Amino acid sequence: MKRKSISRILIAISTIVIVLGALGSGVSAIAQSSATQSKAERRCSNETLSGDYGFALDGVILGPELRFRGVVLQHYDGKGNITQVDHVVTNGVPPAEEWTPGSGTYIVNSNCTGSAVLNTPGNPPVNLHFVIVRGGKEVHQVVDSNLVSAVGTKVE
């Protein structure tokens, strides 16, 4: 029974982590842009996130406190849909499933901030917020309601 609970928590953490998610400092994406760039060059949309991103995640799930680290591969379709697989180790215990799948939706604001909802079977939806930096080559995510963050880099 304890093993089953840990497995459920691991799956939830995997989803939460992704995201793949890391900033939490309130830094605006516009502040990441150089002062010489025009407003048009700083504009973002769902199309800004397109392709595969590899994330490293780290955090603590609150109540009960569980420490974890993991890796996530997220695919953004440029139209507001995400698919992913993740491998998250919790309190030193690897997940029951080597790569846990997930899917969801995202929305990107014109100022390069955004939000997403991720789903995995048998777990509640995970809400996260993100900032797109480096012209869409990097994404910083933070998971709402937990101490979970992730930084992703576009796979080229």
Protein backbone atom coordinates (compact mmCIF):
# COMPACT_ATOMS: atom_id res chain seq x y z
CA MET A 1 0.00 0.00 0.00
CA LYS A 2 2.83 2.40 0.85
CA ARG A 3 4.55 1.56 -2.48
CA LYS A 4 1.33 2.35 -4.37
CA SER A 5 1.02 5.73 -2.63
CA ILE A 6 4.63 6.55 -3.45
CA SER A 7 4.03 5.60 -7.09
CA ARG A 8 0.99 7.91 -7.29
CA ILE A 9 2.96 10.71 -5.69
CA LEU A 10 5.82 10.14 -8.13
CA ILE A 11 3.49 10.36 -11.10
CA ALA A 12 1.94 13.54 -9.71
CA ILE A 13 5.37 14.98 -9.04
CA SER A 14 6.51 14.11 -12.54
CA THR A 15 3.64 16.05 -13.97
CA ILE A 16 4.02 18.90 -11.53
CA VAL A 17 7.68 19.18 -12.18
CA ILE A 18 7.44 19.83 -15.76
CA VAL A 19 7.38 21.15 -16.47
CA LEU A 20 8.34 20.57 -17.70
CA GLY A 21 7.75 23.30 -14.36
CA ALA A 22 11.10 27.49 -12.45
CA LEU A 23 11.31 31.17 -12.25
CA GLY A 24 9.15 32.45 -9.39
CA SER A 25 11.22 35.60 -9.15
CA GLY A 26 8.73 37.75 -11.02
CA VAL A 27 11.23 38.72 -13.69
CA SER A 28 9.46 39.96 -16.78
CA ALA A 29 10.31 38.40 -20.10
CA ILE A 30 10.63 41.89 -21.52
CA ALA A 31 13.43 42.58 -19.03
CA GLN A 32 15.29 39.64 -20.59
CA SER A 33 15.31 41.42 -23.94
CA SER A 34 18.05 43.78 -24.93
CA ALA A 35 17.19 47.48 -24.86
CA THR A 36 18.01 47.68 -28.57
CA GLN A 37 15.26 45.24 -29.59
CA SER A 38 11.97 46.61 -30.88
CA LYS A 39 8.62 45.74 -29.32
CA ALA A 40 7.81 43.60 -32.36
CA GLU A 41 10.90 41.45 -31.73
CA ARG A 42 9.80 40.86 -28.13
CA ARG A 43 6.28 39.69 -29.02
CA CYS A 44 5.45 36.07 -28.27
CA SER A 45 2.56 33.75 -29.13
CA ASN A 46 1.77 30.04 -28.87
CA GLU A 47 3.92 29.63 -31.98
CA THR A 48 6.97 30.83 -30.03
CA LEU A 49 6.91 27.48 -28.21
CA SER A 50 7.21 24.92 -30.95
CA GLY A 51 9.25 21.73 -30.90
CA ASP A 52 10.99 19.74 -28.16
CA TYR A 53 12.39 21.14 -24.91
CA GLY A 54 14.50 19.27 -22.36
CA PHE A 55 13.90 20.28 -18.73
CA ALA A 56 15.83 19.75 -15.52
CA LEU A 57 13.55 20.01 -12.53
CA ASP A 58 14.04 20.25 -8.81
CA GLY A 59 11.73 20.83 -5.91
CA VAL A 60 9.73 19.85 -2.89
CA ILE A 61 6.13 18.70 -2.84
CA LEU A 62 4.42 20.05 0.27
CA GLY A 63 2.40 18.00 2.78
CA PRO A 64 3.92 15.46 3.14
CA GLU A 65 7.25 16.97 2.20
CA LEU A 66 8.86 15.01 -0.64
CA ARG A 67 12.16 16.06 -2.28
CA PHE A 68 12.62 15.24 -5.96
CA ARG A 69 14.70 15.75 -9.06
CA GLY A 70 13.97 14.76 -12.58
CA VAL A 71 14.22 15.27 -16.31
CA VAL A 72 11.39 16.01 -18.71
CA LEU A 73 11.06 16.07 -22.49
CA GLN A 74 8.13 18.29 -23.52
CA HIS A 75 6.84 18.79 -27.05
CA TYR A 76 4.98 22.02 -27.85
CA ASP A 77 2.98 21.98 -31.09
CA GLY A 78 2.92 25.78 -31.56
CA LYS A 79 -0.90 25.72 -31.31
CA GLY A 80 -1.37 25.37 -27.54
CA ASN A 81 -0.90 21.62 -26.97
CA ILE A 82 1.84 19.87 -24.95
CA THR A 83 2.87 16.23 -24.78
CA GLN A 84 5.66 15.02 -22.53
CA VAL A 85 7.51 12.19 -20.85
CA ASP A 86 9.35 12.53 -17.56
CA HIS A 87 11.56 10.56 -15.17
CA VAL A 88 11.39 11.84 -11.59
CA VAL A 89 13.24 10.43 -8.58
CA THR A 90 11.49 11.15 -5.25
CA ASN A 91 13.37 10.88 -1.95
CA GLY A 92 15.90 8.71 -3.79
CA VAL A 93 13.25 6.31 -5.16
CA PRO A 94 12.94 6.00 -8.96
CA PRO A 95 9.45 6.05 -10.52
CA ALA A 96 7.48 2.83 -11.05
CA GLU A 97 7.25 3.64 -14.77
CA GLU A 98 10.61 4.58 -16.34
CA TRP A 99 9.10 7.35 -18.50
CA THR A 100 5.72 8.72 -17.44
CA PRO A 101 3.63 10.26 -20.24
CA GLY A 102 1.50 13.38 -19.92
CA SER A 103 -0.34 15.95 -22.02
CA GLY A 104 -2.01 19.30 -21.68
CA THR A 105 -2.53 22.77 -23.02
CA TYR A 106 -0.65 26.06 -22.84
CA ILE A 107 -1.18 29.71 -23.68
CA VAL A 108 1.54 32.28 -24.37
CA ASN A 109 0.94 35.99 -23.78
CA SER A 110 2.43 38.63 -26.08
CA ASN A 111 4.90 39.65 -23.33
CA CYS A 112 6.38 36.09 -23.36
CA THR A 113 4.75 34.97 -20.12
CA GLY A 114 2.32 32.08 -20.10
CA SER A 115 0.52 29.30 -18.29
CA ALA A 116 -0.19 25.63 -18.82
CA VAL A 117 -2.27 22.77 -17.44
CA LEU A 118 -0.76 19.26 -17.53
CA ASN A 119 -2.63 15.99 -17.09
CA THR A 120 -1.53 12.45 -16.30
CA PRO A 121 -3.92 9.52 -15.83
CA GLY A 122 -5.09 9.12 -12.23
CA ASN A 123 -3.76 12.49 -11.01
CA PRO A 124 -5.28 15.96 -10.63
CA PRO A 125 -4.35 18.57 -13.25
CA VAL A 126 -1.11 20.46 -12.64
CA ASN A 127 -1.11 24.23 -13.15
CA LEU A 128 2.10 26.04 -13.97
CA HIS A 129 3.35 29.43 -15.11
CA PHE A 130 6.34 30.17 -17.31
CA VAL A 131 8.49 32.81 -18.95
CA ILE A 132 10.01 32.37 -22.41
CA VAL A 133 13.54 33.74 -22.79
CA ARG A 134 16.32 33.81 -25.38
CA GLY A 135 13.90 34.14 -28.30
CA GLY A 136 12.09 30.89 -27.48
CA LYS A 137 15.24 28.82 -26.89
CA GLU A 138 14.63 28.56 -23.12
CA VAL A 139 11.61 28.28 -20.81
CA HIS A 140 11.54 28.87 -17.03
CA GLN A 141 8.60 27.23 -15.22
CA VAL A 142 7.17 27.19 -11.72
CA VAL A 143 4.39 24.89 -10.51
CA ASP A 144 1.55 26.53 -8.62
CA SER A 145 1.01 25.36 -5.00
CA ASN A 146 4.41 23.66 -4.62
CA LEU A 147 8.12 24.44 -4.42
CA VAL A 148 8.79 23.03 -7.88
CA SER A 149 10.71 24.69 -10.67
CA ALA A 150 12.15 23.67 -14.02
CA VAL A 151 14.33 25.19 -16.71
CA GLY A 152 14.01 23.88 -20.25
CA THR A 153 16.21 24.32 -23.30
CA LYS A 154 15.05 23.81 -26.89
CA VAL A 155 16.35 20.57 -28.40
CA GLU A 156 18.08 21.40 -31.67
